[in-house]
């Protein structure tokens, strides 16, 4: 239910607050961030969760709308904001009832793994949020081309977006 998804996402925000120091450490180690930058990114990630949950409550309360899950969503976050940016995609996809494959940037695999753990520890099943570190080629390209993937959330270079569209012109 949407209530259950909102509850679990909000629990993820609580988890990030509780383990803030651990996330600061991994952002420093894995992404090369300074303490202040890492702390700001965690705050932004928590804000994203709360904002998307608030919006989902408003959307689902609107009886004129029909919300239909699209299907599996591939999330490909950038290396330079490996926590806050994918949170937005993960939470929005989860709240709308989609499953997710999180394919981290190879430079920041540990940040993405700890991010996935935050959701798993908050009750999101590993079958709903899957963590798949892999090379961009050939595995990443095969993911983009897989027709079972219904949506791709890319934060990255325009060049990468054009490449995705060449590999998968029908993708949303």
N, C-alpha and C. Protein backbone atom coordinates (compact mmCIF):
# COMPACT_ATOMS: atom_id res chain seq x y z
N UNK A 1 0.85 -1.18 0.00
CA UNK A 1 0.00 0.00 0.00
C UNK A 1 0.89 1.24 0.00
N UNK A 2 0.31 2.34 -0.43
CA UNK A 2 1.06 3.60 -0.42
C UNK A 2 1.44 3.97 1.01
N UNK A 3 0.58 3.71 1.96
CA UNK A 3 0.89 4.03 3.36
C UNK A 3 2.13 3.26 3.83
N UNK A 4 2.21 1.99 3.44
CA UNK A 4 3.35 1.17 3.83
C UNK A 4 4.63 1.66 3.15
N UNK A 5 4.53 2.04 1.90
CA UNK A 5 5.71 2.54 1.18
C UNK A 5 6.19 3.86 1.78
N UNK A 6 5.25 4.74 2.11
CA UNK A 6 5.62 6.01 2.74
C UNK A 6 6.28 5.75 4.09
N UNK A 7 5.69 4.87 4.87
CA UNK A 7 6.24 4.53 6.20
C UNK A 7 7.68 4.02 6.09
N UNK A 8 7.92 3.14 5.13
CA UNK A 8 9.27 2.56 4.98
C UNK A 8 10.26 3.60 4.46
N UNK A 9 9.81 4.48 3.58
CA UNK A 9 10.71 5.53 3.10
C UNK A 9 11.04 6.50 4.23
N UNK A 10 10.05 6.88 5.03
CA UNK A 10 10.31 7.76 6.17
C UNK A 10 11.25 7.09 7.17
N UNK A 11 11.11 5.79 7.30
CA UNK A 11 12.01 5.03 8.19
C UNK A 11 13.45 5.10 7.65
N UNK A 12 13.59 5.15 6.33
CA UNK A 12 14.92 5.29 5.72
C UNK A 12 15.53 6.63 6.11
N UNK A 13 14.73 7.69 6.12
CA UNK A 13 15.23 9.00 6.53
C UNK A 13 15.71 8.95 7.98
N UNK A 14 14.96 8.28 8.82
CA UNK A 14 15.35 8.13 10.23
C UNK A 14 16.66 7.35 10.33
N UNK A 15 16.79 6.31 9.52
CA UNK A 15 18.00 5.50 9.50
C UNK A 15 19.21 6.35 9.09
N UNK A 16 19.04 7.17 8.05
CA UNK A 16 20.14 8.04 7.61
C UNK A 16 20.53 9.02 8.70
N UNK A 17 19.56 9.53 9.44
CA UNK A 17 19.88 10.43 10.56
C UNK A 17 20.67 9.68 11.64
N UNK A 18 20.22 8.48 11.94
CA UNK A 18 20.86 7.70 13.01
C UNK A 18 22.30 7.35 12.66
N UNK A 19 22.55 7.02 11.41
CA UNK A 19 23.89 6.59 10.99
C UNK A 19 24.61 7.66 10.17
N UNK A 20 24.26 8.90 10.42
CA UNK A 20 24.83 10.03 9.68
C UNK A 20 26.36 9.98 9.65
N UNK A 21 26.98 9.73 10.77
CA UNK A 21 28.45 9.71 10.84
C UNK A 21 29.03 8.63 9.92
N UNK A 22 28.39 7.47 9.87
CA UNK A 22 28.87 6.40 8.98
C UNK A 22 28.77 6.83 7.51
N UNK A 23 27.67 7.51 7.18
CA UNK A 23 27.49 7.97 5.80
C UNK A 23 28.47 9.10 5.46
N UNK A 24 28.76 9.95 6.42
CA UNK A 24 29.78 10.98 6.19
C UNK A 24 31.11 10.30 5.90
N UNK A 25 31.45 9.30 6.69
CA UNK A 25 32.72 8.59 6.49
C UNK A 25 32.82 7.93 5.13
N UNK A 26 31.75 7.25 4.69
CA UNK A 26 31.83 6.56 3.40
C UNK A 26 31.82 7.56 2.25
N UNK A 27 31.11 8.68 2.41
CA UNK A 27 31.16 9.72 1.37
C UNK A 27 32.56 10.33 1.27
N UNK A 28 33.24 10.45 2.38
CA UNK A 28 34.61 10.97 2.37
C UNK A 28 35.54 9.95 1.71
N UNK A 29 35.43 8.70 2.11
CA UNK A 29 36.33 7.65 1.61
C UNK A 29 36.06 7.32 0.15
N UNK A 30 34.81 7.10 -0.19
CA UNK A 30 34.45 6.60 -1.52
C UNK A 30 34.32 7.71 -2.56
N UNK A 31 33.79 8.86 -2.14
CA UNK A 31 33.52 9.94 -3.10
C UNK A 31 34.49 11.12 -2.97
N UNK A 32 35.37 11.05 -1.98
CA UNK A 32 36.35 12.12 -1.81
C UNK A 32 35.78 13.43 -1.31
N UNK A 33 34.67 13.36 -0.61
CA UNK A 33 34.02 14.58 -0.12
C UNK A 33 34.64 15.04 1.19
N UNK A 34 34.61 16.34 1.41
CA UNK A 34 34.98 16.91 2.71
C UNK A 34 33.81 16.67 3.66
N UNK A 35 34.08 16.76 4.94
CA UNK A 35 33.04 16.52 5.95
C UNK A 35 31.82 17.41 5.69
N UNK A 36 32.04 18.69 5.45
CA UNK A 36 30.93 19.62 5.24
C UNK A 36 30.11 19.22 4.01
N UNK A 37 30.78 18.84 2.92
CA UNK A 37 30.06 18.42 1.70
C UNK A 37 29.25 17.16 1.94
N UNK A 38 29.86 16.20 2.65
CA UNK A 38 29.17 14.94 2.94
C UNK A 38 27.96 15.18 3.83
N UNK A 39 28.13 16.02 4.83
CA UNK A 39 27.03 16.33 5.74
C UNK A 39 25.88 17.01 4.98
N UNK A 40 26.20 17.93 4.10
CA UNK A 40 25.18 18.60 3.30
C UNK A 40 24.46 17.61 2.38
N UNK A 41 25.20 16.68 1.82
CA UNK A 41 24.57 15.71 0.91
C UNK A 41 23.60 14.79 1.67
N UNK A 42 23.96 14.41 2.88
CA UNK A 42 23.06 13.59 3.68
C UNK A 42 21.80 14.38 4.02
N UNK A 43 21.96 15.65 4.38
CA UNK A 43 20.80 16.49 4.67
C UNK A 43 19.89 16.59 3.45
N UNK A 44 20.48 16.78 2.29
CA UNK A 44 19.70 16.86 1.05
C UNK A 44 18.96 15.54 0.79
N UNK A 45 19.63 14.42 1.01
CA UNK A 45 19.01 13.11 0.81
C UNK A 45 17.79 12.94 1.72
N UNK A 46 17.94 13.31 2.97
CA UNK A 46 16.83 13.21 3.93
C UNK A 46 15.68 14.14 3.52
N UNK A 47 16.03 15.34 3.09
CA UNK A 47 15.01 16.28 2.62
C UNK A 47 14.25 15.72 1.42
N UNK A 48 14.97 15.10 0.48
CA UNK A 48 14.33 14.48 -0.68
C UNK A 48 13.31 13.44 -0.25
N UNK A 49 13.71 12.57 0.67
CA UNK A 49 12.79 11.52 1.14
C UNK A 49 11.52 12.15 1.71
N UNK A 50 11.69 13.10 2.60
CA UNK A 50 10.53 13.72 3.24
C UNK A 50 9.66 14.47 2.23
N UNK A 51 10.29 15.14 1.28
CA UNK A 51 9.54 15.88 0.27
C UNK A 51 8.74 14.94 -0.63
N UNK A 52 9.38 13.87 -1.09
CA UNK A 52 8.68 12.92 -1.96
C UNK A 52 7.56 12.21 -1.21
N UNK A 53 7.76 11.90 0.05
CA UNK A 53 6.69 11.27 0.84
C UNK A 53 5.51 12.22 0.99
N UNK A 54 5.78 13.48 1.29
CA UNK A 54 4.73 14.48 1.42
C UNK A 54 3.95 14.60 0.11
N UNK A 55 4.67 14.66 -1.02
CA UNK A 55 4.01 14.77 -2.32
C UNK A 55 3.20 13.52 -2.65
N UNK A 56 3.71 12.36 -2.31
CA UNK A 56 2.98 11.11 -2.59
C UNK A 56 1.65 11.11 -1.83
N UNK A 57 1.66 11.57 -0.60
CA UNK A 57 0.40 11.65 0.16
C UNK A 57 -0.60 12.54 -0.56
N UNK A 58 -0.14 13.65 -1.09
CA UNK A 58 -1.02 14.58 -1.81
C UNK A 58 -1.52 13.93 -3.11
N UNK A 59 -0.64 13.27 -3.84
CA UNK A 59 -1.01 12.65 -5.12
C UNK A 59 -2.04 11.55 -4.90
N UNK A 60 -1.78 10.68 -3.94
CA UNK A 60 -2.70 9.56 -3.71
C UNK A 60 -4.02 9.99 -3.07
N UNK A 61 -4.04 11.18 -2.47
CA UNK A 61 -5.29 11.71 -1.91
C UNK A 61 -6.18 12.31 -3.00
N UNK A 62 -5.60 12.57 -4.14
CA UNK A 62 -6.35 13.18 -5.24
C UNK A 62 -7.12 12.08 -5.99
N UNK A 63 -8.42 12.10 -5.84
CA UNK A 63 -9.25 11.03 -6.43
C UNK A 63 -9.39 11.14 -7.94
N UNK A 64 -9.01 12.28 -8.52
CA UNK A 64 -9.11 12.43 -9.97
C UNK A 64 -7.94 11.77 -10.70
N UNK A 65 -6.93 11.36 -9.97
CA UNK A 65 -5.75 10.76 -10.58
C UNK A 65 -5.74 9.25 -10.39
N UNK A 66 -5.22 8.57 -11.38
CA UNK A 66 -4.96 7.14 -11.26
C UNK A 66 -3.46 6.94 -11.36
N UNK A 67 -2.88 6.36 -10.33
CA UNK A 67 -1.44 6.11 -10.30
C UNK A 67 -1.21 4.67 -10.69
N UNK A 68 -0.41 4.48 -11.74
CA UNK A 68 -0.12 3.14 -12.23
C UNK A 68 1.40 2.98 -12.30
N UNK A 69 1.91 1.96 -11.65
CA UNK A 69 3.35 1.70 -11.70
C UNK A 69 3.75 1.38 -13.14
N UNK A 70 4.93 1.84 -13.51
CA UNK A 70 5.42 1.61 -14.88
C UNK A 70 6.13 0.27 -15.01
N UNK A 71 6.74 -0.18 -13.93
CA UNK A 71 7.53 -1.40 -13.98
C UNK A 71 8.96 -1.11 -13.54
N UNK A 72 9.85 -2.03 -13.73
CA UNK A 72 11.23 -1.86 -13.24
C UNK A 72 11.90 -0.58 -13.72
N UNK A 73 12.52 0.11 -12.77
CA UNK A 73 13.21 1.37 -13.03
C UNK A 73 14.71 1.15 -12.80
N UNK A 74 15.50 1.53 -13.79
CA UNK A 74 16.96 1.49 -13.67
C UNK A 74 17.44 2.86 -13.23
N UNK A 75 18.17 2.91 -12.13
CA UNK A 75 18.70 4.17 -11.62
C UNK A 75 20.22 4.14 -11.75
N UNK A 76 20.74 5.14 -12.47
CA UNK A 76 22.18 5.23 -12.72
C UNK A 76 22.68 6.57 -12.17
N UNK A 77 23.06 6.60 -10.90
CA UNK A 77 23.46 7.87 -10.28
C UNK A 77 24.87 8.30 -10.68
N UNK A 78 25.16 9.58 -10.47
CA UNK A 78 26.50 10.08 -10.77
C UNK A 78 27.47 9.76 -9.64
N UNK A 79 28.75 9.84 -9.93
CA UNK A 79 29.77 9.60 -8.92
C UNK A 79 29.91 10.79 -7.97
N UNK A 80 29.55 12.00 -8.44
CA UNK A 80 29.83 13.19 -7.64
C UNK A 80 28.75 13.52 -6.61
N UNK A 81 27.55 12.97 -6.76
CA UNK A 81 26.49 13.08 -5.75
C UNK A 81 25.85 11.71 -5.59
N UNK A 82 26.60 10.75 -5.06
CA UNK A 82 26.16 9.36 -5.08
C UNK A 82 25.10 8.98 -4.05
N UNK A 83 24.76 9.90 -3.15
CA UNK A 83 23.75 9.60 -2.13
C UNK A 83 22.46 10.37 -2.40
N UNK A 84 22.54 11.68 -2.48
CA UNK A 84 21.33 12.50 -2.62
C UNK A 84 20.63 12.29 -3.96
N UNK A 85 21.37 12.27 -5.05
CA UNK A 85 20.74 12.16 -6.37
C UNK A 85 19.97 10.84 -6.53
N UNK A 86 20.55 9.70 -6.23
CA UNK A 86 19.77 8.46 -6.41
C UNK A 86 18.60 8.34 -5.44
N UNK A 87 18.70 8.97 -4.27
CA UNK A 87 17.57 8.93 -3.32
C UNK A 87 16.30 9.45 -3.98
N UNK A 88 16.40 10.54 -4.69
CA UNK A 88 15.22 11.09 -5.35
C UNK A 88 14.58 10.09 -6.29
N UNK A 89 15.39 9.45 -7.12
CA UNK A 89 14.87 8.45 -8.05
C UNK A 89 14.33 7.22 -7.36
N UNK A 90 15.05 6.75 -6.36
CA UNK A 90 14.63 5.55 -5.64
C UNK A 90 13.28 5.79 -4.95
N UNK A 91 13.20 6.88 -4.20
CA UNK A 91 11.98 7.15 -3.43
C UNK A 91 10.79 7.41 -4.34
N UNK A 92 10.99 8.20 -5.39
CA UNK A 92 9.86 8.46 -6.29
C UNK A 92 9.40 7.18 -6.97
N UNK A 93 10.32 6.34 -7.40
CA UNK A 93 9.94 5.07 -8.04
C UNK A 93 9.24 4.14 -7.04
N UNK A 94 9.79 4.04 -5.84
CA UNK A 94 9.18 3.17 -4.82
C UNK A 94 7.77 3.63 -4.47
N UNK A 95 7.62 4.91 -4.24
CA UNK A 95 6.32 5.43 -3.81
C UNK A 95 5.25 5.23 -4.87
N UNK A 96 5.65 5.21 -6.12
CA UNK A 96 4.68 5.00 -7.20
C UNK A 96 4.48 3.51 -7.51
N UNK A 97 5.14 2.64 -6.72
CA UNK A 97 4.88 1.20 -6.82
C UNK A 97 5.80 0.43 -7.75
N UNK A 98 6.93 1.02 -8.11
CA UNK A 98 7.86 0.36 -9.02
C UNK A 98 8.96 -0.38 -8.28
N UNK A 99 9.53 -1.36 -8.95
CA UNK A 99 10.75 -1.99 -8.46
C UNK A 99 11.94 -1.25 -9.08
N UNK A 100 13.11 -1.45 -8.50
CA UNK A 100 14.28 -0.66 -8.88
C UNK A 100 15.51 -1.54 -9.00
N UNK A 101 16.32 -1.21 -9.99
CA UNK A 101 17.69 -1.71 -10.07
C UNK A 101 18.59 -0.51 -9.91
N UNK A 102 19.41 -0.51 -8.88
CA UNK A 102 20.37 0.56 -8.62
C UNK A 102 21.71 0.11 -9.16
N UNK A 103 22.15 0.75 -10.25
CA UNK A 103 23.45 0.47 -10.86
C UNK A 103 24.36 1.65 -10.53
N UNK A 104 25.21 1.49 -9.53
CA UNK A 104 26.01 2.62 -9.08
C UNK A 104 27.12 2.99 -10.06
N UNK A 105 27.58 4.23 -9.94
CA UNK A 105 28.81 4.62 -10.63
C UNK A 105 29.93 3.79 -10.02
N UNK A 106 30.83 3.32 -10.84
CA UNK A 106 31.90 2.44 -10.35
C UNK A 106 32.82 3.14 -9.35
N UNK A 107 32.87 4.47 -9.42
CA UNK A 107 33.72 5.22 -8.49
C UNK A 107 33.16 5.25 -7.08
N UNK A 108 31.86 5.01 -6.92
CA UNK A 108 31.22 5.17 -5.61
C UNK A 108 30.29 3.99 -5.28
N UNK A 109 30.77 2.81 -5.52
CA UNK A 109 29.97 1.60 -5.28
C UNK A 109 29.61 1.46 -3.81
N UNK A 110 30.53 1.75 -2.92
CA UNK A 110 30.24 1.56 -1.48
C UNK A 110 29.17 2.52 -0.98
N UNK A 111 29.16 3.75 -1.47
CA UNK A 111 28.11 4.69 -1.07
C UNK A 111 26.76 4.13 -1.50
N UNK A 112 26.68 3.66 -2.74
CA UNK A 112 25.41 3.11 -3.24
C UNK A 112 24.99 1.87 -2.47
N UNK A 113 25.96 1.04 -2.10
CA UNK A 113 25.64 -0.16 -1.33
C UNK A 113 25.07 0.22 0.04
N UNK A 114 25.71 1.20 0.68
CA UNK A 114 25.20 1.64 1.99
C UNK A 114 23.82 2.30 1.84
N UNK A 115 23.60 2.96 0.72
CA UNK A 115 22.29 3.55 0.45
C UNK A 115 21.24 2.45 0.34
N UNK A 116 21.55 1.43 -0.44
CA UNK A 116 20.62 0.30 -0.58
C UNK A 116 20.35 -0.34 0.78
N UNK A 117 21.40 -0.49 1.59
CA UNK A 117 21.23 -1.07 2.93
C UNK A 117 20.27 -0.25 3.79
N UNK A 118 20.32 1.07 3.65
CA UNK A 118 19.41 1.93 4.43
C UNK A 118 17.96 1.59 4.10
N UNK A 119 17.67 1.39 2.82
CA UNK A 119 16.30 1.04 2.42
C UNK A 119 15.96 -0.38 2.86
N UNK A 120 16.88 -1.31 2.68
CA UNK A 120 16.63 -2.70 3.09
C UNK A 120 16.37 -2.78 4.60
N UNK A 121 17.18 -2.06 5.39
CA UNK A 121 17.01 -2.06 6.84
C UNK A 121 15.72 -1.37 7.27
N UNK A 122 15.12 -0.62 6.38
CA UNK A 122 13.86 0.06 6.67
C UNK A 122 12.65 -0.73 6.18
N UNK A 123 12.90 -1.94 5.67
CA UNK A 123 11.80 -2.81 5.28
C UNK A 123 11.54 -2.94 3.79
N UNK A 124 12.30 -2.24 2.95
CA UNK A 124 12.14 -2.41 1.51
C UNK A 124 12.85 -3.71 1.12
N UNK A 125 12.14 -4.66 0.53
CA UNK A 125 12.77 -5.94 0.20
C UNK A 125 13.86 -5.81 -0.88
N UNK A 126 14.85 -6.67 -0.77
CA UNK A 126 15.92 -6.69 -1.77
C UNK A 126 15.40 -7.08 -3.15
N UNK A 127 14.25 -7.70 -3.22
CA UNK A 127 13.66 -8.02 -4.52
C UNK A 127 13.01 -6.79 -5.15
N UNK A 128 12.70 -5.79 -4.34
CA UNK A 128 12.09 -4.55 -4.83
C UNK A 128 13.18 -3.52 -5.18
N UNK A 129 14.20 -3.43 -4.35
CA UNK A 129 15.34 -2.56 -4.61
C UNK A 129 16.57 -3.45 -4.74
N UNK A 130 16.97 -3.66 -5.98
CA UNK A 130 18.11 -4.51 -6.25
C UNK A 130 19.35 -3.66 -6.49
N UNK A 131 20.46 -4.11 -5.96
CA UNK A 131 21.74 -3.42 -6.08
C UNK A 131 22.59 -4.20 -7.07
N UNK A 132 23.02 -3.55 -8.15
CA UNK A 132 23.74 -4.26 -9.20
C UNK A 132 24.95 -3.46 -9.67
N UNK A 133 26.07 -3.57 -8.93
CA UNK A 133 27.28 -2.91 -9.42
C UNK A 133 27.83 -3.69 -10.60
N UNK A 134 28.14 -2.99 -11.67
CA UNK A 134 28.68 -3.65 -12.85
C UNK A 134 29.37 -2.62 -13.73
N UNK A 135 30.17 -3.11 -14.63
CA UNK A 135 30.84 -2.23 -15.59
C UNK A 135 29.80 -1.62 -16.52
N UNK A 136 30.14 -0.47 -17.07
CA UNK A 136 29.23 0.16 -18.02
C UNK A 136 29.06 -0.70 -19.27
N UNK A 137 30.14 -1.33 -19.69
CA UNK A 137 30.09 -2.22 -20.85
C UNK A 137 30.78 -3.53 -20.51
N UNK A 138 30.15 -4.62 -20.81
CA UNK A 138 28.91 -4.74 -21.54
C UNK A 138 27.66 -4.77 -20.65
N UNK A 139 27.83 -5.02 -19.34
CA UNK A 139 26.67 -5.25 -18.47
C UNK A 139 25.72 -4.06 -18.40
N UNK A 140 26.25 -2.87 -18.17
CA UNK A 140 25.41 -1.69 -18.07
C UNK A 140 24.63 -1.43 -19.35
N UNK A 141 25.30 -1.62 -20.48
CA UNK A 141 24.62 -1.45 -21.77
C UNK A 141 23.51 -2.47 -21.95
N UNK A 142 23.75 -3.69 -21.48
CA UNK A 142 22.72 -4.73 -21.59
C UNK A 142 21.50 -4.38 -20.73
N UNK A 143 21.75 -3.79 -19.57
CA UNK A 143 20.62 -3.34 -18.72
C UNK A 143 19.79 -2.29 -19.44
N UNK A 144 20.45 -1.32 -20.03
CA UNK A 144 19.74 -0.26 -20.76
C UNK A 144 18.91 -0.85 -21.89
N UNK A 145 19.45 -1.83 -22.57
CA UNK A 145 18.77 -2.43 -23.72
C UNK A 145 17.68 -3.42 -23.35
N UNK A 146 17.65 -3.86 -22.11
CA UNK A 146 16.69 -4.88 -21.68
C UNK A 146 15.27 -4.31 -21.67
N UNK A 147 14.39 -4.90 -22.44
CA UNK A 147 13.01 -4.41 -22.55
C UNK A 147 12.20 -4.55 -21.27
N UNK A 148 12.69 -5.31 -20.30
CA UNK A 148 12.00 -5.40 -19.02
C UNK A 148 12.16 -4.13 -18.21
N UNK A 149 13.20 -3.34 -18.49
CA UNK A 149 13.40 -2.04 -17.85
C UNK A 149 12.44 -1.06 -18.51
N UNK A 150 11.56 -0.46 -17.74
CA UNK A 150 10.53 0.43 -18.29
C UNK A 150 10.90 1.91 -18.21
N UNK A 151 11.76 2.25 -17.26
CA UNK A 151 12.17 3.64 -17.09
C UNK A 151 13.62 3.66 -16.65
N UNK A 152 14.35 4.65 -17.12
CA UNK A 152 15.73 4.86 -16.68
C UNK A 152 15.83 6.26 -16.10
N UNK A 153 16.39 6.34 -14.91
CA UNK A 153 16.67 7.65 -14.31
C UNK A 153 18.18 7.82 -14.33
N UNK A 154 18.61 8.69 -15.20
CA UNK A 154 20.03 8.99 -15.39
C UNK A 154 20.30 10.40 -14.92
N UNK A 155 21.31 10.54 -14.09
CA UNK A 155 21.87 11.85 -13.81
C UNK A 155 23.30 11.76 -14.28
N UNK A 156 23.59 12.47 -15.33
CA UNK A 156 24.91 12.39 -15.91
C UNK A 156 25.02 13.23 -17.15
N UNK A 157 26.00 12.91 -17.95
CA UNK A 157 26.33 13.70 -19.13
C UNK A 157 25.29 13.52 -20.24
N UNK A 158 25.11 14.57 -21.02
CA UNK A 158 24.22 14.50 -22.19
C UNK A 158 24.70 13.42 -23.14
N UNK A 159 26.00 13.24 -23.22
CA UNK A 159 26.58 12.20 -24.07
C UNK A 159 26.06 10.82 -23.65
N UNK A 160 25.99 10.58 -22.36
CA UNK A 160 25.48 9.31 -21.84
C UNK A 160 24.00 9.15 -22.17
N UNK A 161 23.24 10.22 -22.01
CA UNK A 161 21.81 10.17 -22.33
C UNK A 161 21.60 9.83 -23.81
N UNK A 162 22.39 10.46 -24.68
CA UNK A 162 22.27 10.16 -26.11
C UNK A 162 22.63 8.71 -26.40
N UNK A 163 23.65 8.21 -25.73
CA UNK A 163 24.04 6.80 -25.89
C UNK A 163 22.90 5.88 -25.45
N UNK A 164 22.27 6.20 -24.32
CA UNK A 164 21.13 5.41 -23.85
C UNK A 164 20.01 5.41 -24.89
N UNK A 165 19.75 6.57 -25.47
CA UNK A 165 18.68 6.67 -26.46
C UNK A 165 18.99 5.92 -27.75
N UNK A 166 20.25 5.85 -28.11
CA UNK A 166 20.65 5.05 -29.27
C UNK A 166 20.42 3.57 -28.96
N UNK A 167 20.79 3.15 -27.76
CA UNK A 167 20.64 1.75 -27.36
C UNK A 167 19.16 1.39 -27.12
N UNK A 168 18.38 2.39 -26.73
CA UNK A 168 17.00 2.13 -26.35
C UNK A 168 16.10 3.30 -26.70
N UNK A 169 15.81 3.52 -27.97
CA UNK A 169 15.04 4.71 -28.38
C UNK A 169 13.64 4.79 -27.81
N UNK A 170 13.07 3.68 -27.36
CA UNK A 170 11.69 3.67 -26.84
C UNK A 170 11.59 3.95 -25.35
N UNK A 171 12.72 4.16 -24.67
CA UNK A 171 12.71 4.26 -23.21
C UNK A 171 12.19 5.62 -22.75
N UNK A 172 11.57 5.64 -21.56
CA UNK A 172 11.08 6.88 -20.94
C UNK A 172 12.14 7.43 -20.01
